[in-house]
Amino acid sequence: MDYRFGNRNKNKNFPATQGVITEITPTGWSVPTGRGMREDGCQQMVSLETGDGGIVNFIVSADTFVLDFVNLRVGMEVMFFYDADAPVPMIYPPQYRAVAAARARRGQSVMVSFFGRDLVSSDGSLKLNMSRNVPVRTVNNQTFSGNPGDRYLMVVYDRSTRSIPAQTTPLEVVVLCGLSQE
């Protein structure tokens, strides 16, 4: 699977958009059947209503990592992460390819970023204080046995300091291992 996270480009930005799912529509390649054409079922357009009432569409494909493998459904509050440097169509409502998604939970924050050897995010806003109790796993839910530094991570945390950078001991860390390691 290609989660579009190459470890060489440490300056990629993966902003989050949070809102409530209002519609999920199958989309993608059409495949012929004996009775006409149908969608291949591997891709969906998910419409999200943001807190300010705006609508944002996200393409969720087989390559989109969904934290905890939850099934997205209408009415669910979620966060979608997308590559801010990827080309997007100039349409309304805006449409992005979702790189990752997480169910929004009260009192928890989620961040997707490149974290250097010092476990500071590429934008310098968050430093991770790891302990043995923090589960670190890969996108296929296996235990990650290496050093999570110098990689793209999805970090789930609840509390952080007010320092710069903010510091936190995460609740969990997912190493977003990608295929493009050039």
Protein backbone atom coordinates (compact mmCIF):
# COMPACT_ATOMS: atom_id res chain seq x y z
CA MET A 1 0.00 0.00 0.00
CA ASP A 2 1.14 3.50 -0.74
CA TYR A 3 0.19 5.96 1.99
CA ARG A 4 2.10 8.69 0.12
CA PHE A 5 4.57 9.20 2.93
CA GLY A 6 8.12 9.29 1.58
CA ASN A 7 10.69 9.63 4.37
CA ARG A 8 12.91 11.96 2.34
CA ASN A 9 10.53 14.92 2.04
CA LYS A 10 10.37 16.04 5.65
CA ASN A 11 8.56 19.29 4.85
CA LYS A 12 5.28 17.83 3.64
CA ASN A 13 2.31 19.31 5.40
CA PHE A 14 -0.72 17.17 6.32
CA PRO A 15 -3.41 19.49 7.69
CA ALA A 16 -6.59 18.09 9.21
CA THR A 17 -10.18 18.99 8.46
CA GLN A 18 -12.68 17.98 11.12
CA GLY A 19 -16.42 17.66 10.76
CA VAL A 20 -19.43 15.38 10.55
CA ILE A 21 -19.92 12.99 7.64
CA THR A 22 -23.09 13.94 5.77
CA GLU A 23 -22.84 11.62 2.76
CA ILE A 24 -20.79 8.69 1.47
CA THR A 25 -20.97 8.00 -2.27
CA PRO A 26 -19.21 5.20 -4.16
CA THR A 27 -16.92 6.60 -6.85
CA GLY A 28 -13.92 5.52 -8.85
CA TRP A 29 -13.41 3.39 -11.88
CA SER A 30 -16.46 1.94 -13.54
CA VAL A 31 -16.26 -1.74 -14.40
CA PRO A 32 -18.47 -3.50 -16.94
CA THR A 33 -20.98 -6.07 -15.75
CA GLY A 34 -23.50 -8.16 -17.64
CA ARG A 35 -26.09 -5.47 -16.83
CA GLY A 36 -24.14 -2.29 -17.54
CA MET A 37 -21.47 -0.44 -15.54
CA ARG A 38 -20.89 -0.28 -11.79
CA GLU A 39 -18.35 1.36 -9.52
CA ASP A 40 -15.41 -0.83 -8.51
CA GLY A 41 -16.22 -0.32 -4.80
CA CYS A 42 -12.65 0.58 -3.79
CA GLN A 43 -13.14 4.33 -3.56
CA GLN A 44 -15.68 6.62 -1.92
CA MET A 45 -16.44 10.32 -1.89
CA VAL A 46 -17.09 11.38 1.70
CA SER A 47 -18.79 14.74 2.27
CA LEU A 48 -17.92 16.45 5.52
CA GLU A 49 -19.73 19.38 7.13
CA THR A 50 -17.22 21.43 9.08
CA GLY A 51 -17.93 23.32 12.29
CA ASP A 52 -18.51 26.57 10.38
CA GLY A 53 -21.12 24.95 8.13
CA GLY A 54 -18.83 24.52 5.13
CA ILE A 55 -18.70 21.36 3.03
CA VAL A 56 -15.46 19.59 2.09
CA ASN A 57 -15.29 16.40 0.03
CA PHE A 58 -12.64 13.75 0.55
CA ILE A 59 -11.75 10.86 -1.73
CA VAL A 60 -11.23 7.81 0.49
CA SER A 61 -9.44 5.05 -1.40
CA ALA A 62 -7.90 1.71 -0.49
CA ASP A 63 -4.67 3.66 0.18
CA THR A 64 -6.26 5.87 2.86
CA PHE A 65 -5.14 4.85 6.36
CA VAL A 66 -8.06 4.87 8.82
CA LEU A 67 -7.02 4.84 12.48
CA ASP A 68 -8.35 1.80 14.35
CA PHE A 69 -9.85 0.50 11.08
CA VAL A 70 -13.25 2.03 11.91
CA ASN A 71 -16.00 1.95 9.29
CA LEU A 72 -16.82 5.51 8.30
CA ARG A 73 -20.55 6.25 8.41
CA VAL A 74 -22.94 9.16 8.04
CA GLY A 75 -23.22 11.15 11.29
CA MET A 76 -19.73 10.24 12.52
CA GLU A 77 -17.40 13.08 13.53
CA VAL A 78 -14.00 12.53 11.90
CA MET A 79 -10.73 14.20 10.99
CA PHE A 80 -9.34 13.79 7.50
CA PHE A 81 -5.67 14.47 6.76
CA TYR A 82 -4.54 15.40 3.25
CA ASP A 83 -1.33 16.37 1.47
CA ALA A 84 -1.42 20.16 1.29
CA ASP A 85 1.10 20.07 -1.59
CA ALA A 86 -0.90 17.70 -3.80
CA PRO A 87 -2.76 19.15 -6.78
CA VAL A 88 -6.50 19.61 -6.26
CA PRO A 89 -9.31 20.47 -8.67
CA MET A 90 -10.49 24.08 -8.52
CA ILE A 91 -14.11 23.26 -7.67
CA TYR A 92 -16.61 23.97 -4.95
CA PRO A 93 -16.94 22.34 -2.56
CA PRO A 94 -13.21 21.67 -2.26
CA GLN A 95 -12.12 18.09 -2.85
CA TYR A 96 -9.00 16.43 -1.44
CA ARG A 97 -7.56 12.93 -1.48
CA ALA A 98 -7.62 11.68 2.11
CA VAL A 99 -4.24 10.35 3.17
CA ALA A 100 -5.42 9.38 6.65
CA ALA A 101 -8.55 9.58 8.78
CA ALA A 102 -9.36 9.31 12.46
CA ARG A 103 -12.58 9.35 14.42
CA ALA A 104 -12.79 12.56 16.44
CA ARG A 105 -12.90 11.91 20.16
CA ARG A 106 -13.55 14.54 22.82
CA GLY A 107 -10.39 15.38 24.74
CA GLN A 108 -8.04 13.79 22.19
CA SER A 109 -5.90 15.34 19.49
CA VAL A 110 -4.45 13.65 16.43
CA MET A 111 -1.51 14.88 14.36
CA VAL A 112 0.09 13.57 11.17
CA SER A 113 3.59 14.89 10.58
CA PHE A 114 7.19 13.98 9.97
CA PHE A 115 8.94 13.61 13.33
CA GLY A 116 12.72 13.92 13.33
CA ARG A 117 15.24 11.93 15.36
CA ASP A 118 14.47 14.19 18.33
CA LEU A 119 10.75 13.31 17.93
CA VAL A 120 9.80 16.91 17.17
CA SER A 121 7.25 17.45 14.41
CA SER A 122 8.46 19.06 11.19
CA ASP A 123 6.56 22.28 11.98
CA GLY A 124 8.19 22.40 15.45
CA SER A 125 4.84 22.43 17.27
CA LEU A 126 4.94 19.07 19.10
CA LYS A 127 7.63 16.99 20.84
CA LEU A 128 6.93 13.40 21.80
CA ASN A 129 8.09 12.02 25.15
CA MET A 130 7.99 8.28 24.58
CA SER A 131 7.67 5.67 27.30
CA ARG A 132 7.51 1.88 27.22
CA ASN A 133 3.75 2.10 27.80
CA VAL A 134 3.08 3.93 24.52
CA PRO A 135 1.90 1.48 21.85
CA VAL A 136 3.79 2.02 18.59
CA ARG A 137 2.43 0.13 15.60
CA THR A 138 2.40 0.11 11.82
CA VAL A 139 -0.53 0.83 9.50
CA ASN A 140 -1.43 -2.86 9.39
CA ASN A 141 -1.71 -2.90 13.21
CA GLN A 142 1.55 -4.75 13.86
CA THR A 143 3.96 -3.80 16.64
CA PHE A 144 6.66 -1.46 15.34
CA SER A 145 10.02 -2.58 16.65
CA GLY A 146 12.27 0.19 15.35
CA ASN A 147 12.90 3.79 16.32
CA PRO A 148 9.88 5.95 15.40
CA GLY A 149 12.14 8.97 14.82
CA ASP A 150 12.85 10.23 11.29
CA ARG A 151 9.47 8.99 10.06
CA TYR A 152 5.94 10.10 9.33
CA LEU A 153 3.75 9.38 12.34
CA MET A 154 0.10 9.64 13.27
CA VAL A 155 0.12 10.61 16.93
CA VAL A 156 -2.88 10.41 19.25
CA TYR A 157 -2.54 12.34 22.50
CA ASP A 158 -4.70 13.96 25.14
CA ARG A 159 -2.57 16.37 27.17
CA SER A 160 0.37 18.54 26.26
CA THR A 161 2.42 21.25 27.86
CA ARG A 162 2.06 24.91 26.87
CA SER A 163 5.74 25.13 26.00
CA ILE A 164 7.18 25.67 22.53
CA PRO A 165 7.20 23.04 21.24
CA ALA A 166 4.34 21.54 23.21
CA GLN A 167 5.38 18.23 24.77
CA THR A 168 3.23 15.16 25.20
CA THR A 169 3.41 11.50 26.08
CA PRO A 170 1.22 10.05 23.33
CA LEU A 171 -1.62 7.62 23.89
CA GLU A 172 -0.58 5.79 20.72
CA VAL A 173 1.68 6.23 17.71
CA VAL A 174 1.20 4.78 14.24
CA VAL A 175 4.28 4.68 12.00
CA LEU A 176 3.11 5.51 8.49
CA CYS A 177 5.56 3.30 6.63
CA GLY A 178 5.41 4.18 2.93
CA LEU A 179 6.78 2.47 -0.12
CA SER A 180 8.65 5.49 -1.48
CA GLN A 181 11.87 5.46 0.52
CA GLU A 182 14.03 7.01 -2.25
